Amino acid sequence: MTQTSDLSLTFEEALAQLQTLVEALERGDGSLEESLARYEQGMKLVAYCNDLLDKAELRVRELLPNGEEVPFTGPMDSRS
């Protein structure tokens, strides 16, 4: 079983893989065993993405004076 720390994907790559897995699961492609394998891989990707987000948040906090939180005031959709 691959640990999330063994993955060497960018956040965007991991998210794209996760989206592909979810779409396959939603379509019902493959056997039960294949669906379970996709689900397990998806959960690993979710954990990996969460870990990357936690690390990014920590880096941002380190850049802020006194580690204070600054409320987000930008658009909620980063594509805006």
PDB file of N, CA and C in Angstrom:
ATOM      1  N   MET A   1       0.846  -1.192   0.000  1.00  0.00           N
ATOM      2  CA  MET A   1       0.000   0.000   0.000  1.00  0.00           C
ATOM      3  C   MET A   1       0.882   1.243   0.000  1.00  0.00           C
ATOM      4  N   THR A   2       0.622   2.154  -0.904  1.00  0.00           N
ATOM      5  CA  THR A   2       1.402   3.374  -1.025  1.00  0.00           C
ATOM      6  C   THR A   2       0.988   4.380   0.044  1.00  0.00           C
ATOM      7  N   GLN A   3       1.968   4.908   0.738  1.00  0.00           N
ATOM      8  CA  GLN A   3       1.696   5.953   1.716  1.00  0.00           C
ATOM      9  C   GLN A   3       1.577   7.286   0.987  1.00  0.00           C
ATOM     10  N   THR A   4       0.787   8.203   1.526  1.00  0.00           N
ATOM     11  CA  THR A   4       0.596   9.488   0.857  1.00  0.00           C
ATOM     12  C   THR A   4       1.902  10.252   0.750  1.00  0.00           C
ATOM     13  N   SER A   5       2.821  10.075   1.698  1.00  0.00           N
ATOM     14  CA  SER A   5       4.091  10.783   1.644  1.00  0.00           C
ATOM     15  C   SER A   5       4.964  10.264   0.510  1.00  0.00           C
ATOM     16  N   ASP A   6       4.661   9.064  -0.039  1.00  0.00           N
ATOM     17  CA  ASP A   6       5.424   8.501  -1.146  1.00  0.00           C
ATOM     18  C   ASP A   6       5.003   9.088  -2.487  1.00  0.00           C
ATOM     19  N   LEU A   7       3.870   9.774  -2.533  1.00  0.00           N
ATOM     20  CA  LEU A   7       3.405  10.361  -3.776  1.00  0.00           C
ATOM     21  C   LEU A   7       4.285  11.559  -4.125  1.00  0.00           C
ATOM     22  N   SER A   8       4.550  11.749  -5.394  1.00  0.00           N
ATOM     23  CA  SER A   8       5.367  12.895  -5.812  1.00  0.00           C
ATOM     24  C   SER A   8       4.616  13.688  -6.876  1.00  0.00           C
ATOM     25  N   LEU A   9       3.387  14.014  -6.563  1.00  0.00           N
ATOM     26  CA  LEU A   9       2.531  14.771  -7.470  1.00  0.00           C
ATOM     27  C   LEU A   9       2.379  16.191  -6.969  1.00  0.00           C
ATOM     28  N   THR A  10       2.105  17.098  -7.890  1.00  0.00           N
ATOM     29  CA  THR A  10       1.718  18.432  -7.456  1.00  0.00           C
ATOM     30  C   THR A  10       0.278  18.345  -6.953  1.00  0.00           C
ATOM     31  N   PHE A  11      -0.158  19.365  -6.273  1.00  0.00           N
ATOM     32  CA  PHE A  11      -1.538  19.403  -5.798  1.00  0.00           C
ATOM     33  C   PHE A  11      -2.498  19.290  -6.977  1.00  0.00           C
ATOM     34  N   GLU A  12      -2.198  20.016  -8.041  1.00  0.00           N
ATOM     35  CA  GLU A  12      -3.073  20.025  -9.203  1.00  0.00           C
ATOM     36  C   GLU A  12      -3.133  18.649  -9.876  1.00  0.00           C
ATOM     37  N   GLU A  13      -2.000  17.963  -9.952  1.00  0.00           N
ATOM     38  CA  GLU A  13      -1.977  16.620 -10.540  1.00  0.00           C
ATOM     39  C   GLU A  13      -2.789  15.640  -9.696  1.00  0.00           C
ATOM     40  N   ALA A  14      -2.603  15.714  -8.381  1.00  0.00           N
ATOM     41  CA  ALA A  14      -3.339  14.819  -7.483  1.00  0.00           C
ATOM     42  C   ALA A  14      -4.837  15.088  -7.568  1.00  0.00           C
ATOM     43  N   LEU A  15      -5.212  16.349  -7.627  1.00  0.00           N
ATOM     44  CA  LEU A  15      -6.622  16.708  -7.720  1.00  0.00           C
ATOM     45  C   LEU A  15      -7.224  16.220  -9.044  1.00  0.00           C
ATOM     46  N   ALA A  16      -6.472  16.327 -10.125  1.00  0.00           N
ATOM     47  CA  ALA A  16      -6.952  15.850 -11.426  1.00  0.00           C
ATOM     48  C   ALA A  16      -7.135  14.331 -11.403  1.00  0.00           C
ATOM     49  N   GLN A  17      -6.195  13.615 -10.790  1.00  0.00           N
ATOM     50  CA  GLN A  17      -6.332  12.161 -10.673  1.00  0.00           C
ATOM     51  C   GLN A  17      -7.545  11.799  -9.832  1.00  0.00           C
ATOM     52  N   LEU A  18      -7.742  12.532  -8.763  1.00  0.00           N
ATOM     53  CA  LEU A  18      -8.894  12.289  -7.899  1.00  0.00           C
ATOM     54  C   LEU A  18     -10.195  12.511  -8.664  1.00  0.00           C
ATOM     55  N   GLN A  19     -10.245  13.564  -9.444  1.00  0.00           N
ATOM     56  CA  GLN A  19     -11.449  13.852 -10.224  1.00  0.00           C
ATOM     57  C   GLN A  19     -11.725  12.720 -11.224  1.00  0.00           C
ATOM     58  N   THR A  20     -10.691  12.202 -11.855  1.00  0.00           N
ATOM     59  CA  THR A  20     -10.839  11.097 -12.798  1.00  0.00           C
ATOM     60  C   THR A  20     -11.382   9.855 -12.094  1.00  0.00           C
ATOM     61  N   LEU A  21     -10.851   9.563 -10.900  1.00  0.00           N
ATOM     62  CA  LEU A  21     -11.326   8.410 -10.134  1.00  0.00           C
ATOM     63  C   LEU A  21     -12.792   8.570  -9.745  1.00  0.00           C
ATOM     64  N   VAL A  22     -13.163   9.753  -9.297  1.00  0.00           N
ATOM     65  CA  VAL A  22     -14.546  10.009  -8.890  1.00  0.00           C
ATOM     66  C   VAL A  22     -15.489   9.849 -10.080  1.00  0.00           C
ATOM     67  N   GLU A  23     -15.085  10.374 -11.229  1.00  0.00           N
ATOM     68  CA  GLU A  23     -15.930  10.246 -12.422  1.00  0.00           C
ATOM     69  C   GLU A  23     -16.124   8.784 -12.798  1.00  0.00           C
ATOM     70  N   ALA A  24     -15.070   7.980 -12.716  1.00  0.00           N
ATOM     71  CA  ALA A  24     -15.181   6.544 -13.030  1.00  0.00           C
ATOM     72  C   ALA A  24     -16.096   5.848 -12.033  1.00  0.00           C
ATOM     73  N   LEU A  25     -15.977   6.211 -10.759  1.00  0.00           N
ATOM     74  CA  LEU A  25     -16.844   5.617  -9.743  1.00  0.00           C
ATOM     75  C   LEU A  25     -18.302   6.011  -9.974  1.00  0.00           C
ATOM     76  N   GLU A  26     -18.530   7.263 -10.330  1.00  0.00           N
ATOM     77  CA  GLU A  26     -19.893   7.719 -10.574  1.00  0.00           C
ATOM     78  C   GLU A  26     -20.525   7.029 -11.781  1.00  0.00           C
ATOM     79  N   ARG A  27     -19.709   6.732 -12.783  1.00  0.00           N
ATOM     80  CA  ARG A  27     -20.220   6.033 -13.975  1.00  0.00           C
ATOM     81  C   ARG A  27     -20.453   4.556 -13.696  1.00  0.00           C
ATOM     82  N   GLY A  28     -19.830   4.033 -12.656  1.00  0.00           N
ATOM     83  CA  GLY A  28     -19.960   2.616 -12.344  1.00  0.00           C
ATOM     84  C   GLY A  28     -19.101   1.743 -13.231  1.00  0.00           C
ATOM     85  N   ASP A  29     -18.021   2.325 -13.759  1.00  0.00           N
ATOM     86  CA  ASP A  29     -17.112   1.572 -14.621  1.00  0.00           C
ATOM     87  C   ASP A  29     -16.412   0.470 -13.833  1.00  0.00           C
ATOM     88  N   GLY A  30     -16.329  -0.718 -14.414  1.00  0.00           N
ATOM     89  CA  GLY A  30     -15.538  -1.791 -13.838  1.00  0.00           C
ATOM     90  C   GLY A  30     -16.276  -2.622 -12.813  1.00  0.00           C
ATOM     91  N   SER A  31     -15.545  -3.582 -12.306  1.00  0.00           N
ATOM     92  CA  SER A  31     -16.087  -4.518 -11.322  1.00  0.00           C
ATOM     93  C   SER A  31     -16.070  -3.906  -9.925  1.00  0.00           C
ATOM     94  N   LEU A  32     -16.645  -4.643  -8.992  1.00  0.00           N
ATOM     95  CA  LEU A  32     -16.628  -4.205  -7.601  1.00  0.00           C
ATOM     96  C   LEU A  32     -15.200  -4.065  -7.101  1.00  0.00           C
ATOM     97  N   GLU A  33     -14.354  -5.030  -7.435  1.00  0.00           N
ATOM     98  CA  GLU A  33     -12.952  -4.990  -6.998  1.00  0.00           C
ATOM     99  C   GLU A  33     -12.233  -3.760  -7.570  1.00  0.00           C
ATOM    100  N   GLU A  34     -12.489  -3.446  -8.833  1.00  0.00           N
ATOM    101  CA  GLU A  34     -11.876  -2.260  -9.442  1.00  0.00           C
ATOM    102  C   GLU A  34     -12.397  -0.986  -8.781  1.00  0.00           C
ATOM    103  N   SER A  35     -13.671  -0.963  -8.467  1.00  0.00           N
ATOM    104  CA  SER A  35     -14.249   0.205  -7.791  1.00  0.00           C
ATOM    105  C   SER A  35     -13.642   0.395  -6.407  1.00  0.00           C
ATOM    106  N   LEU A  36     -13.449  -0.707  -5.693  1.00  0.00           N
ATOM    107  CA  LEU A  36     -12.814  -0.612  -4.373  1.00  0.00           C
ATOM    108  C   LEU A  36     -11.386  -0.099  -4.479  1.00  0.00           C
ATOM    109  N   ALA A  37     -10.661  -0.572  -5.487  1.00  0.00           N
ATOM    110  CA  ALA A  37      -9.284  -0.109  -5.688  1.00  0.00           C
ATOM    111  C   ALA A  37      -9.270   1.389  -6.008  1.00  0.00           C
ATOM    112  N   ARG A  38     -10.225   1.829  -6.837  1.00  0.00           N
ATOM    113  CA  ARG A  38     -10.323   3.262  -7.152  1.00  0.00           C
ATOM    114  C   ARG A  38     -10.647   4.071  -5.896  1.00  0.00           C
ATOM    115  N   TYR A  39     -11.574   3.549  -5.088  1.00  0.00           N
ATOM    116  CA  TYR A  39     -11.944   4.240  -3.854  1.00  0.00           C
ATOM    117  C   TYR A  39     -10.734   4.369  -2.927  1.00  0.00           C
ATOM    118  N   GLU A  40      -9.986   3.278  -2.763  1.00  0.00           N
ATOM    119  CA  GLU A  40      -8.800   3.313  -1.894  1.00  0.00           C
ATOM    120  C   GLU A  40      -7.779   4.319  -2.408  1.00  0.00           C
ATOM    121  N   GLN A  41      -7.534   4.314  -3.722  1.00  0.00           N
ATOM    122  CA  GLN A  41      -6.593   5.270  -4.297  1.00  0.00           C
ATOM    123  C   GLN A  41      -7.107   6.690  -4.112  1.00  0.00           C
ATOM    124  N   GLY A  42      -8.405   6.886  -4.282  1.00  0.00           N
ATOM    125  CA  GLY A  42      -8.992   8.206  -4.080  1.00  0.00           C
ATOM    126  C   GLY A  42      -8.806   8.708  -2.654  1.00  0.00           C
ATOM    127  N   MET A  43      -8.975   7.819  -1.687  1.00  0.00           N
ATOM    128  CA  MET A  43      -8.789   8.223  -0.289  1.00  0.00           C
ATOM    129  C   MET A  43      -7.335   8.606  -0.020  1.00  0.00           C
ATOM    130  N   LYS A  44      -6.403   7.902  -0.652  1.00  0.00           N
ATOM    131  CA  LYS A  44      -4.982   8.261  -0.519  1.00  0.00           C
ATOM    132  C   LYS A  44      -4.726   9.644  -1.116  1.00  0.00           C
ATOM    133  N   LEU A  45      -5.345   9.895  -2.266  1.00  0.00           N
ATOM    134  CA  LEU A  45      -5.176  11.202  -2.903  1.00  0.00           C
ATOM    135  C   LEU A  45      -5.794  12.319  -2.069  1.00  0.00           C
ATOM    136  N   VAL A  46      -6.940  12.056  -1.455  1.00  0.00           N
ATOM    137  CA  VAL A  46      -7.571  13.051  -0.581  1.00  0.00           C
ATOM    138  C   VAL A  46      -6.632  13.380   0.584  1.00  0.00           C
ATOM    139  N   ALA A  47      -6.075  12.352   1.207  1.00  0.00           N
ATOM    140  CA  ALA A  47      -5.148  12.565   2.327  1.00  0.00           C
ATOM    141  C   ALA A  47      -3.915  13.344   1.860  1.00  0.00           C
ATOM    142  N   TYR A  48      -3.417  13.004   0.690  1.00  0.00           N
ATOM    143  CA  TYR A  48      -2.243  13.681   0.132  1.00  0.00           C
ATOM    144  C   TYR A  48      -2.546  15.157  -0.122  1.00  0.00           C
ATOM    145  N   CYS A  49      -3.695  15.435  -0.747  1.00  0.00           N
ATOM    146  CA  CYS A  49      -4.080  16.826  -1.011  1.00  0.00           C
ATOM    147  C   CYS A  49      -4.259  17.605   0.291  1.00  0.00           C
ATOM    148  N   ASN A  50      -4.895  16.989   1.271  1.00  0.00           N
ATOM    149  CA  ASN A  50      -5.069  17.653   2.568  1.00  0.00           C
ATOM    150  C   ASN A  50      -3.725  17.950   3.214  1.00  0.00           C
ATOM    151  N   ASP A  51      -2.779  17.019   3.093  1.00  0.00           N
ATOM    152  CA  ASP A  51      -1.444  17.229   3.646  1.00  0.00           C
ATOM    153  C   ASP A  51      -0.756  18.407   2.956  1.00  0.00           C
ATOM    154  N   LEU A  52      -0.866  18.473   1.631  1.00  0.00           N
ATOM    155  CA  LEU A  52      -0.270  19.593   0.902  1.00  0.00           C
ATOM    156  C   LEU A  52      -0.910  20.920   1.292  1.00  0.00           C
ATOM    157  N   LEU A  53      -2.230  20.929   1.462  1.00  0.00           N
ATOM    158  CA  LEU A  53      -2.916  22.151   1.881  1.00  0.00           C
ATOM    159  C   LEU A  53      -2.500  22.574   3.285  1.00  0.00           C
ATOM    160  N   ASP A  54      -2.355  21.604   4.191  1.00  0.00           N
ATOM    161  CA  ASP A  54      -1.901  21.921   5.554  1.00  0.00           C
ATOM    162  C   ASP A  54      -0.501  22.530   5.534  1.00  0.00           C
ATOM    163  N   LYS A  55       0.377  21.961   4.711  1.00  0.00           N
ATOM    164  CA  LYS A  55       1.743  22.484   4.611  1.00  0.00           C
ATOM    165  C   LYS A  55       1.748  23.890   4.013  1.00  0.00           C
ATOM    166  N   ALA A  56       0.899  24.119   3.022  1.00  0.00           N
ATOM    167  CA  ALA A  56       0.814  25.451   2.423  1.00  0.00           C
ATOM    168  C   ALA A  56       0.307  26.470   3.440  1.00  0.00           C
ATOM    169  N   GLU A  57      -0.692  26.060   4.220  1.00  0.00           N
ATOM    170  CA  GLU A  57      -1.225  26.965   5.248  1.00  0.00           C
ATOM    171  C   GLU A  57      -0.143  27.305   6.273  1.00  0.00           C
ATOM    172  N   LEU A  58       0.637  26.319   6.666  1.00  0.00           N
ATOM    173  CA  LEU A  58       1.718  26.552   7.619  1.00  0.00           C
ATOM    174  C   LEU A  58       2.739  27.530   7.045  1.00  0.00           C
ATOM    175  N   ARG A  59       3.080  27.379   5.785  1.00  0.00           N
ATOM    176  CA  ARG A  59       4.029  28.299   5.154  1.00  0.00           C
ATOM    177  C   ARG A  59       3.490  29.718   5.144  1.00  0.00           C
ATOM    178  N   VAL A  60       2.207  29.868   4.853  1.00  0.00           N
ATOM    179  CA  VAL A  60       1.605  31.210   4.827  1.00  0.00           C
ATOM    180  C   VAL A  60       1.631  31.811   6.229  1.00  0.00           C
ATOM    181  N   ARG A  61       1.283  30.999   7.239  1.00  0.00           N
ATOM    182  CA  ARG A  61       1.292  31.510   8.614  1.00  0.00           C
ATOM    183  C   ARG A  61       2.684  31.932   9.045  1.00  0.00           C
ATOM    184  N   GLU A  62       3.705  31.229   8.582  1.00  0.00           N
ATOM    185  CA  GLU A  62       5.074  31.584   8.928  1.00  0.00           C
ATOM    186  C   GLU A  62       5.457  32.930   8.319  1.00  0.00           C
ATOM    187  N   LEU A  63       4.836  33.283   7.219  1.00  0.00           N
ATOM    188  CA  LEU A  63       5.136  34.551   6.563  1.00  0.00           C
ATOM    189  C   LEU A  63       4.416  35.731   7.214  1.00  0.00           C
ATOM    190  N   LEU A  64       3.350  35.455   7.943  1.00  0.00           N
ATOM    191  CA  LEU A  64       2.577  36.514   8.575  1.00  0.00           C
ATOM    192  C   LEU A  64       3.216  36.911   9.902  1.00  0.00           C
ATOM    193  N   PRO A  65       3.157  38.197  10.241  1.00  0.00           N
ATOM    194  CA  PRO A  65       3.697  38.623  11.533  1.00  0.00           C
ATOM    195  C   PRO A  65       2.939  37.948  12.677  1.00  0.00           C
ATOM    196  N   ASN A  66       3.643  37.432  13.640  1.00  0.00           N
ATOM    197  CA  ASN A  66       3.091  36.777  14.828  1.00  0.00           C
ATOM    198  C   ASN A  66       2.230  35.563  14.500  1.00  0.00           C
ATOM    199  N   GLY A  67       2.321  35.041  13.298  1.00  0.00           N
ATOM    200  CA  GLY A  67       1.539  33.875  12.923  1.00  0.00           C
ATOM    201  C   GLY A  67       0.039  34.109  12.939  1.00  0.00           C
ATOM    202  N   GLU A  68      -0.369  35.377  12.898  1.00  0.00           N
ATOM    203  CA  GLU A  68      -1.789  35.706  12.977  1.00  0.00           C
ATOM    204  C   GLU A  68      -2.519  35.298  11.714  1.00  0.00           C
ATOM    205  N   GLU A  69      -3.793  35.115  11.844  1.00  0.00           N
ATOM    206  CA  GLU A  69      -4.622  34.775  10.693  1.00  0.00           C
ATOM    207  C   GLU A  69      -5.157  36.053  10.072  1.00  0.00           C
ATOM    208  N   VAL A  70      -5.177  36.077   8.768  1.00  0.00           N
ATOM    209  CA  VAL A  70      -5.718  37.209   8.035  1.00  0.00           C
ATOM    210  C   VAL A  70      -6.930  36.699   7.266  1.00  0.00           C
ATOM    211  N   PRO A  71      -8.098  37.312   7.431  1.00  0.00           N
ATOM    212  CA  PRO A  71      -9.289  36.828   6.722  1.00  0.00           C
ATOM    213  C   PRO A  71      -9.117  36.951   5.216  1.00  0.00           C
ATOM    214  N   PHE A  72      -9.621  35.948   4.505  1.00  0.00           N
ATOM    215  CA  PHE A  72      -9.556  35.940   3.036  1.00  0.00           C
ATOM    216  C   PHE A  72     -10.631  36.868   2.513  1.00  0.00           C
ATOM    217  N   THR A  73     -10.222  37.786   1.632  1.00  0.00           N
ATOM    218  CA  THR A  73     -11.177  38.745   1.078  1.00  0.00           C
ATOM    219  C   THR A  73     -11.282  38.657  -0.437  1.00  0.00           C
ATOM    220  N   GLY A  74     -10.583  37.686  -1.027  1.00  0.00           N
ATOM    221  CA  GLY A  74     -10.604  37.543  -2.479  1.00  0.00           C
ATOM    222  C   GLY A  74     -11.805  36.751  -2.937  1.00  0.00           C
ATOM    223  N   PRO A  75     -11.883  36.519  -4.244  1.00  0.00           N
ATOM    224  CA  PRO A  75     -13.000  35.736  -4.780  1.00  0.00           C
ATOM    225  C   PRO A  75     -12.890  34.290  -4.317  1.00  0.00           C
ATOM    226  N   MET A  76     -14.021  33.647  -4.084  1.00  0.00           N
ATOM    227  CA  MET A  76     -14.022  32.254  -3.635  1.00  0.00           C
ATOM    228  C   MET A  76     -13.598  31.327  -4.753  1.00  0.00           C
ATOM    229  N   ASP A  77     -13.851  31.679  -5.988  1.00  0.00           N
ATOM    230  CA  ASP A  77     -13.455  30.858  -7.126  1.00  0.00           C
ATOM    231  C   ASP A  77     -12.154  31.425  -7.662  1.00  0.00           C
ATOM    232  N   SER A  78     -11.072  30.650  -7.563  1.00  0.00           N
ATOM    233  CA  SER A  78      -9.764  31.148  -7.963  1.00  0.00           C
ATOM    234  C   SER A  78      -9.667  31.407  -9.460  1.00  0.00           C
ATOM    235  N   ARG A  79     -10.653  30.931 -10.223  1.00  0.00           N
ATOM    236  CA  ARG A  79     -10.650  31.158 -11.669  1.00  0.00           C
ATOM    237  C   ARG A  79     -11.291  32.474 -12.044  1.00  0.00           C
ATOM    238  N   SER A  80     -11.790  33.216 -11.049  1.00  0.00           N
ATOM    239  CA  SER A  80     -12.468  34.486 -11.334  1.00  0.00           C
ATOM    240  C   SER A  80     -11.459  35.555 -11.707  1.00  0.00           C
TER     241      SER A  80
END
